[in-house]
Amino acid sequence: MGGTLAGGTDLMDDVAPVPDPLPVHLVIRGLSKRFGQTRVLSDIALGMPKGELLTLLGPSGCGKTTLLRQIAGLAQPDTGSIVLDGRDITHLPPHRRSVGVVFQNYALFPHLNVAGNVAFGLKLQKKSRAEVEAAVKRTLALVHLDHLADRPIRALSGGQQQRVALARALAVEPSVLLFDEALSALDRKLREAMQGELRRLLREIGATAIFVTHDQEEALTMSDRVAVMHQGRIEQLADPKTLYDRPATAFALSFVGQSLQIRGKVTSSEAGYSTIATEIGQVLAPRAFLPGSEVIVATRPEHVRLCEGDNTLMGKVRAVTYQGPRSLVEIEAGTARILAELSGREVPPEPGRTVLFSWPASETLVYPAGEGA
């Protein structure tokens, strides 16, 4: 049982990657799932402390929604177990799991008003009328919708409907809240506002929550940790800063943020550094590889400067994109596409101009070429 992260980290060692003395609240071990001949989850192992906000991030078809559905009880795994608060819930029906779900389309009942939607799960739990009314009042106040308790669902904005769906999930006091692309239906400005509001609210009530999204900005904004998924496996599990600054695999690098990537071959390696020959020049990287190894060299746009430095190369400016507080300069160097991020105070070069660009050796990322992106 167990699996291996790209880069050689044993997943079973990562079942409870939480600092003492926080207890593990949710434990997933050896979870696998096939649909026909297609394996959509492969030996997933994961541990969460109570109160953590975790995001499952990855492209369509990577397995993140399938994993969420397994936790919710909406699908059954082929192998593995799910333990919540010390109780094995792997084969329990959804209503006995103490798990709340907020869906992408909110799944609200149009024939019920706001209060009726929030009360729905409580009535299924056979709560008394007084208990239902108290819980509805409490949760609607929590999401700042108590003044709209009698409002029809169709009369609400997208953001208000999202909060009703959240209130309905919170009302039953679940041990874990699951969000399946719950903010994706909102426009960009409202989505960004709701990200901050939702994170504040979940922090305030000490909720344990799992988000599913393909939006990297949402993942970095909302999460304590992010699990990057690819082809049914967890490629990397890390806090947002570590994930962005030191992606463990070429796929994680490509999926989270922008980067330049150049293929090359290691010519020498000593004192923990490798010298790498690329089609556009020599690069120094702080990681030892065997000479002759085919690798991918990468760095982030914010580390690229239009001047000489540790790793100095040459290319031609193809385009400049103004983005308010910054400008992105696209440089063509051989077959590589380089992005340099300049502050709003820096004057970018004109397209067509040949420029020197560089980045610090300490900010060079290197991956075996066989990993792909």
Protein backbone atom coordinates (compact mmCIF):
# COMPACT_ATOMS: atom_id res chain seq x y z
CA MET A 1 0.00 0.00 0.00
CA GLY A 2 1.14 3.54 -0.61
CA GLY A 3 2.65 5.25 -3.62
CA THR A 4 5.51 7.46 -4.68
CA LEU A 5 5.55 11.15 -5.49
CA ALA A 6 7.57 12.24 -8.50
CA GLY A 7 11.02 12.98 -7.15
CA GLY A 8 11.06 9.92 -4.90
CA THR A 9 9.01 11.02 -1.87
CA ASP A 10 7.06 8.12 -0.41
CA LEU A 11 3.38 9.00 -0.17
CA MET A 12 2.76 6.94 2.94
CA ASP A 13 5.32 9.12 4.68
CA ASP A 14 3.07 12.02 3.65
CA VAL A 15 -0.15 10.65 5.10
CA ALA A 16 0.16 12.98 8.10
CA PRO A 17 2.45 15.82 6.97
CA VAL A 18 1.31 18.08 9.79
CA PRO A 19 3.39 19.59 12.59
CA ASP A 20 2.86 18.28 16.11
CA PRO A 21 0.72 18.56 18.12
CA LEU A 22 -2.04 18.93 15.50
CA PRO A 23 -3.96 15.62 15.18
CA VAL A 24 -4.78 14.20 11.77
CA HIS A 25 -8.46 14.91 11.11
CA LEU A 26 -8.92 13.29 7.69
CA VAL A 27 -6.77 10.38 6.50
CA ILE A 28 -6.89 8.88 3.02
CA ARG A 29 -4.87 5.73 2.38
CA GLY A 30 -4.26 3.83 -0.85
CA LEU A 31 -7.34 5.20 -2.64
CA SER A 32 -7.69 3.96 -6.22
CA LYS A 33 -10.50 4.09 -8.78
CA ARG A 34 -11.03 2.81 -12.32
CA PHE A 35 -13.75 3.57 -14.83
CA GLY A 36 -13.56 0.65 -17.22
CA GLN A 37 -9.94 0.37 -18.35
CA THR A 38 -9.13 3.94 -17.31
CA ARG A 39 -7.46 4.42 -13.94
CA VAL A 40 -8.58 7.82 -12.65
CA LEU A 41 -7.10 7.59 -9.13
CA SER A 42 -3.89 5.76 -8.37
CA ASP A 43 -3.02 4.90 -4.76
CA ILE A 44 -3.80 8.33 -3.28
CA ALA A 45 -2.58 8.98 0.27
CA LEU A 46 -3.25 12.19 2.14
CA GLY A 47 -3.58 13.52 5.69
CA MET A 48 -5.22 16.75 6.92
CA PRO A 49 -5.29 18.38 10.37
CA LYS A 50 -8.50 19.93 11.64
CA GLY A 51 -8.99 23.49 10.39
CA GLU A 52 -6.80 23.12 7.30
CA LEU A 53 -7.84 24.57 3.93
CA LEU A 54 -6.55 22.23 1.22
CA THR A 55 -6.95 22.60 -2.54
CA LEU A 56 -6.89 19.82 -5.13
CA LEU A 57 -5.48 21.54 -8.22
CA GLY A 58 -5.07 20.14 -11.69
CA PRO A 59 -6.36 20.02 -15.27
CA SER A 60 -9.63 18.41 -16.34
CA GLY A 61 -9.44 14.65 -16.07
CA CYS A 62 -6.64 14.55 -13.47
CA GLY A 63 -8.86 12.90 -10.83
CA LYS A 64 -9.50 15.77 -8.45
CA THR A 65 -13.32 15.74 -8.70
CA THR A 66 -13.36 11.93 -8.49
CA LEU A 67 -11.34 12.15 -5.26
CA LEU A 68 -13.76 14.74 -3.86
CA ARG A 69 -16.73 12.52 -4.75
CA GLN A 70 -15.11 9.59 -2.93
CA ILE A 71 -14.76 11.70 0.22
CA ALA A 72 -18.37 12.88 -0.09
CA GLY A 73 -19.67 9.33 -0.54
CA LEU A 74 -21.02 10.05 -4.04
CA ALA A 75 -18.74 7.34 -5.49
CA GLN A 76 -17.02 4.31 -4.05
CA PRO A 77 -13.27 3.58 -4.34
CA ASP A 78 -12.00 0.29 -5.73
CA THR A 79 -9.34 0.10 -3.00
CA GLY A 80 -8.24 2.17 -0.03
CA SER A 81 -9.85 3.84 2.97
CA ILE A 82 -11.14 7.22 4.15
CA VAL A 83 -11.04 7.92 7.90
CA LEU A 84 -12.63 11.05 9.36
CA ASP A 85 -12.30 11.90 13.06
CA GLY A 86 -11.03 8.38 13.70
CA ARG A 87 -14.11 6.82 12.03
CA ASP A 88 -13.85 4.79 8.82
CA ILE A 89 -16.39 6.36 6.45
CA THR A 90 -15.21 4.61 3.27
CA HIS A 91 -18.47 2.75 2.68
CA LEU A 92 -20.94 4.93 4.57
CA PRO A 93 -23.73 6.70 2.64
CA PRO A 94 -23.31 10.49 2.17
CA HIS A 95 -25.82 11.48 4.87
CA ARG A 96 -23.88 9.54 7.55
CA ARG A 97 -20.43 10.97 6.81
CA SER A 98 -20.59 14.45 8.42
CA VAL A 99 -19.41 15.93 5.13
CA GLY A 100 -20.88 19.07 3.55
CA VAL A 101 -20.65 19.75 -0.18
CA VAL A 102 -20.94 23.02 -2.11
CA PHE A 103 -21.33 22.24 -5.80
CA GLN A 104 -20.32 24.26 -8.86
CA ASN A 105 -23.94 24.99 -9.77
CA TYR A 106 -24.87 25.34 -6.05
CA ALA A 107 -27.70 22.74 -6.50
CA LEU A 108 -30.22 25.00 -4.76
CA PHE A 109 -33.94 24.18 -4.81
CA PRO A 110 -35.79 26.86 -6.84
CA HIS A 111 -39.16 26.06 -5.21
CA LEU A 112 -37.77 26.85 -1.74
CA ASN A 113 -36.80 30.28 -0.42
CA VAL A 114 -33.42 31.03 1.15
CA ALA A 115 -34.37 29.76 4.61
CA GLY A 116 -35.98 26.64 3.14
CA ASN A 117 -32.80 25.76 1.27
CA VAL A 118 -30.65 26.17 4.36
CA ALA A 119 -33.09 24.11 6.43
CA PHE A 120 -33.19 21.20 3.98
CA GLY A 121 -30.29 19.14 5.39
CA LEU A 122 -31.35 19.81 8.98
CA LYS A 123 -34.81 18.39 8.28
CA LEU A 124 -33.22 15.27 6.79
CA GLN A 125 -31.40 14.89 10.11
CA LYS A 126 -34.79 14.95 11.86
CA LYS A 127 -33.95 18.06 13.86
CA SER A 128 -36.77 19.68 15.85
CA ARG A 129 -38.46 22.78 14.48
CA ALA A 130 -36.77 24.95 17.11
CA GLU A 131 -33.35 23.47 16.28
CA VAL A 132 -33.90 24.03 12.56
CA GLU A 133 -34.99 27.64 13.03
CA ALA A 134 -32.04 28.40 15.33
CA ALA A 135 -29.51 26.82 12.94
CA VAL A 136 -30.95 28.60 9.90
CA LYS A 137 -30.84 31.94 11.68
CA ARG A 138 -27.29 31.36 12.91
CA THR A 139 -25.83 30.28 9.57
CA LEU A 140 -27.59 32.95 7.52
CA ALA A 141 -26.19 35.57 9.89
CA LEU A 142 -22.76 34.01 9.45
CA VAL A 143 -22.88 34.54 5.67
CA HIS A 144 -24.62 37.95 6.03
CA LEU A 145 -27.89 36.86 4.42
CA ASP A 146 -30.21 36.87 7.46
CA HIS A 147 -32.13 39.80 5.94
CA LEU A 148 -32.94 37.67 2.85
CA ALA A 149 -34.34 34.58 4.60
CA ASP A 150 -37.70 34.84 2.81
CA ARG A 151 -36.24 35.78 -0.60
CA PRO A 152 -36.88 33.39 -3.54
CA ILE A 153 -33.71 31.76 -4.87
CA ARG A 154 -34.33 33.09 -8.38
CA ALA A 155 -34.21 36.66 -7.03
CA LEU A 156 -30.63 36.30 -5.76
CA SER A 157 -27.38 37.26 -7.44
CA GLY A 158 -24.71 34.66 -8.18
CA GLY A 159 -22.70 35.68 -5.14
CA GLN A 160 -25.76 35.49 -2.89
CA GLN A 161 -26.64 32.02 -4.22
CA GLN A 162 -23.10 30.90 -3.50
CA ARG A 163 -23.48 32.04 0.10
CA VAL A 164 -26.84 30.25 0.45
CA ALA A 165 -25.17 27.05 -0.73
CA LEU A 166 -22.41 27.60 1.83
CA ALA A 167 -24.94 28.28 4.60
CA ARG A 168 -26.81 25.07 3.74
CA ALA A 169 -23.57 23.09 4.00
CA LEU A 170 -22.57 24.80 7.26
CA ALA A 171 -25.97 24.40 8.91
CA VAL A 172 -25.53 20.66 9.47
CA GLU A 173 -22.17 21.29 11.18
CA PRO A 174 -20.09 18.91 9.03
CA SER A 175 -16.62 17.73 10.02
CA VAL A 176 -15.32 18.56 6.53
CA LEU A 177 -16.58 20.99 3.88
CA LEU A 178 -16.01 20.14 0.20
CA PHE A 179 -16.11 22.77 -2.57
CA ASP A 180 -16.38 21.49 -6.15
CA GLU A 181 -15.37 24.44 -8.39
CA ALA A 182 -17.79 26.41 -6.20
CA LEU A 183 -16.63 29.88 -7.35
CA SER A 184 -16.14 29.17 -11.05
CA ALA A 185 -19.62 30.42 -12.08
CA LEU A 186 -18.92 33.93 -10.73
CA ASP A 187 -17.40 36.74 -12.76
CA ARG A 188 -13.75 37.53 -12.07
CA LYS A 189 -14.26 40.53 -9.76
CA LEU A 190 -16.93 38.80 -7.66
CA ARG A 191 -14.93 35.57 -7.59
CA GLU A 192 -11.89 37.37 -6.18
CA ALA A 193 -14.04 39.11 -3.56
CA MET A 194 -15.68 35.82 -2.58
CA GLN A 195 -12.29 34.10 -2.28
CA GLY A 196 -11.24 36.51 0.44
CA GLU A 197 -14.64 36.44 2.15
CA LEU A 198 -14.86 32.65 2.08
CA ARG A 199 -11.34 32.17 3.43
CA ARG A 200 -12.06 34.65 6.26
CA LEU A 201 -15.30 32.87 7.14
CA LEU A 202 -13.77 29.38 7.14
CA ARG A 203 -10.91 30.65 9.31
CA GLU A 204 -13.41 32.27 11.68
CA ILE A 205 -15.34 29.05 12.27
CA GLY A 206 -12.25 26.80 12.22
CA ALA A 207 -13.58 24.72 9.34
CA THR A 208 -11.68 21.90 7.64
CA ALA A 209 -12.20 22.37 3.91
CA ILE A 210 -11.15 20.86 0.60
CA PHE A 211 -11.45 22.87 -2.60
CA VAL A 212 -11.37 21.48 -6.12
CA THR A 213 -10.27 23.89 -8.83
CA HIS A 214 -8.25 24.17 -12.02
CA ASP A 215 -7.64 27.87 -11.27
CA GLN A 216 -4.09 28.24 -9.94
CA GLU A 217 -4.64 31.76 -8.59
CA GLU A 218 -7.63 30.55 -6.59
CA ALA A 219 -5.57 27.65 -5.21
CA LEU A 220 -2.70 29.89 -4.12
CA THR A 221 -5.09 32.44 -2.59
CA MET A 222 -7.36 30.09 -0.66
CA SER A 223 -5.11 27.33 0.61
CA ASP A 224 -2.89 26.33 3.49
CA ARG A 225 -1.63 23.54 1.23
CA VAL A 226 -2.15 22.60 -2.41
CA ALA A 227 -2.14 19.09 -3.88
CA VAL A 228 -1.24 19.29 -7.58
CA MET A 229 -2.82 16.31 -9.34
CA HIS A 230 -1.87 14.78 -12.69
CA GLN A 231 -3.12 11.55 -14.26
CA GLY A 232 -4.71 10.32 -11.04
CA ARG A 233 -1.71 10.97 -8.80
CA ILE A 234 -0.54 13.72 -6.47
CA GLU A 235 2.50 15.30 -8.13
CA GLN A 236 3.23 17.65 -5.24
CA LEU A 237 1.68 18.50 -1.88
CA ALA A 238 2.98 21.75 -0.40
CA ASP A 239 2.12 25.17 0.93
CA PRO A 240 1.48 27.77 -1.82
CA LYS A 241 4.87 29.50 -1.51
CA THR A 242 6.85 26.26 -1.69
CA LEU A 243 4.74 25.06 -4.61
CA TYR A 244 5.39 28.26 -6.57
CA ASP A 245 9.04 28.80 -5.61
CA ARG A 246 10.19 25.18 -5.72
CA PRO A 247 7.86 23.03 -7.83
CA ALA A 248 8.84 19.38 -7.40
CA THR A 249 8.20 18.30 -11.00
CA ALA A 250 8.17 19.79 -14.47
CA PHE A 251 4.39 19.34 -14.56
CA ALA A 252 3.91 21.28 -11.31
CA LEU A 253 6.15 24.02 -12.70
CA SER A 254 4.13 24.27 -15.91
CA PHE A 255 0.73 24.14 -14.24
CA VAL A 256 1.36 26.70 -11.51
CA GLY A 257 2.46 30.13 -12.72
CA GLN A 258 4.44 31.12 -15.78
CA SER A 259 8.00 30.04 -16.45
CA LEU A 260 10.70 29.85 -19.08
CA GLN A 261 11.85 26.34 -19.96
CA ILE A 262 14.93 25.41 -22.00
CA ARG A 263 16.20 21.93 -22.76
CA GLY A 264 19.88 21.22 -22.24
CA LYS A 265 22.58 18.71 -21.36
CA VAL A 266 24.71 18.66 -18.21
CA THR A 267 28.38 19.16 -19.11
CA SER A 268 29.84 19.13 -15.60
CA SER A 269 28.77 18.92 -11.98
CA GLU A 270 30.72 19.92 -8.87
CA ALA A 271 30.19 21.48 -5.43
CA GLY A 272 26.43 20.93 -5.73
CA TYR A 273 26.14 22.91 -8.97
CA SER A 274 25.64 21.73 -12.55
CA THR A 275 26.80 23.48 -15.71
CA ILE A 276 24.26 22.94 -18.46
CA ALA A 277 24.73 23.54 -22.20
CA THR A 278 21.57 24.77 -23.94
CA GLU A 279 20.91 25.80 -27.53
CA ILE A 280 21.27 29.47 -26.54
CA GLY A 281 24.17 29.32 -24.09
CA GLN A 282 25.52 27.94 -20.84
CA VAL A 283 23.48 27.91 -17.63
CA LEU A 284 24.57 27.30 -14.02
CA ALA A 285 22.10 25.52 -11.71
CA PRO A 286 22.23 24.71 -7.96
CA ARG A 287 21.62 20.99 -8.29
CA ALA A 288 24.03 18.17 -9.10
CA PHE A 289 23.20 15.99 -12.11
CA LEU A 290 25.33 13.36 -13.80
CA PRO A 291 27.27 14.80 -16.77
CA GLY A 292 25.50 13.87 -19.99
CA SER A 293 22.03 14.02 -18.41
CA GLU A 294 19.28 15.57 -20.53
CA VAL A 295 17.45 18.18 -18.44
CA ILE A 296 14.91 20.98 -18.51
CA VAL A 297 16.19 24.32 -17.17
CA ALA A 298 13.60 26.78 -15.86
CA THR A 299 13.00 29.93 -13.84
CA ARG A 300 10.12 32.32 -13.12
CA PRO A 301 9.60 35.57 -15.11
CA GLU A 302 10.10 37.77 -12.02
CA HIS A 303 13.69 36.52 -11.73
CA VAL A 304 14.61 37.45 -15.32
CA ARG A 305 16.36 40.80 -15.70
CA LEU A 306 17.34 42.61 -18.91
CA CYS A 307 21.00 42.87 -17.98
CA GLU A 308 24.04 40.66 -17.41
CA GLY A 309 24.09 38.32 -14.43
CA ASP A 310 24.81 34.71 -13.37
CA ASN A 311 23.10 33.14 -16.36
CA THR A 312 23.38 35.62 -19.23
CA LEU A 313 21.81 34.78 -22.59
CA MET A 314 20.69 36.72 -25.66
CA GLY A 315 17.40 36.96 -27.57
CA LYS A 316 15.06 39.19 -29.54
CA VAL A 317 12.04 40.94 -28.04
CA ARG A 318 8.86 39.62 -29.68
CA ALA A 319 6.16 41.44 -27.72
CA VAL A 320 5.51 43.58 -24.64
CA THR A 321 2.28 43.19 -22.66
CA TYR A 322 1.32 46.02 -20.30
CA GLN A 323 -0.46 44.80 -17.15
CA GLY A 324 -0.70 47.89 -14.96
CA PRO A 325 1.82 47.41 -12.14
CA ARG A 326 4.04 45.30 -14.37
CA SER A 327 4.95 44.57 -17.99
CA LEU A 328 5.70 41.16 -19.48
CA VAL A 329 8.44 41.12 -22.10
CA GLU A 330 8.38 38.11 -24.41
CA ILE A 331 11.80 37.22 -25.78
CA GLU A 332 12.59 34.72 -28.53
CA ALA A 333 15.87 32.86 -28.00
CA GLY A 334 16.40 29.93 -30.34
CA THR A 335 13.28 27.79 -30.01
CA ALA A 336 12.68 29.00 -26.42
CA ARG A 337 10.08 31.55 -25.35
CA ILE A 338 11.36 33.67 -22.46
CA LEU A 339 9.20 35.89 -20.27
CA ALA A 340 10.74 38.72 -18.27
CA GLU A 341 8.58 40.55 -15.73
CA LEU A 342 9.38 44.25 -15.34
CA SER A 343 7.96 46.61 -12.76
CA GLY A 344 5.70 49.43 -13.91
CA ARG A 345 8.58 51.89 -13.38
CA GLU A 346 10.88 50.10 -15.83
CA VAL A 347 10.71 51.09 -19.48
CA PRO A 348 10.45 47.92 -21.58
CA PRO A 349 12.48 47.54 -24.80
CA GLU A 350 10.81 47.90 -28.17
CA PRO A 351 9.75 44.71 -30.03
CA GLY A 352 12.41 43.61 -32.50
CA ARG A 353 15.30 44.71 -30.32
CA THR A 354 18.07 42.23 -29.42
CA VAL A 355 18.67 42.14 -25.66
CA LEU A 356 20.77 40.42 -23.04
CA PHE A 357 18.78 38.77 -20.27
CA SER A 358 19.82 36.87 -17.16
CA TRP A 359 18.65 35.35 -13.91
CA PRO A 360 20.43 34.27 -10.69
CA ALA A 361 21.87 30.77 -10.60
CA SER A 362 20.14 30.32 -7.23
CA GLU A 363 16.75 30.74 -8.94
CA THR A 364 17.40 28.09 -11.59
CA LEU A 365 15.14 25.06 -11.49
CA VAL A 366 16.24 21.80 -13.14
CA TYR A 367 14.24 18.67 -13.97
CA PRO A 368 15.09 15.44 -15.81
CA ALA A 369 14.04 15.90 -19.44
CA GLY A 370 12.13 12.61 -19.32
CA GLU A 371 9.59 14.12 -16.85
CA GLY A 372 8.12 16.31 -19.57
CA ALA A 373 5.81 19.15 -18.71
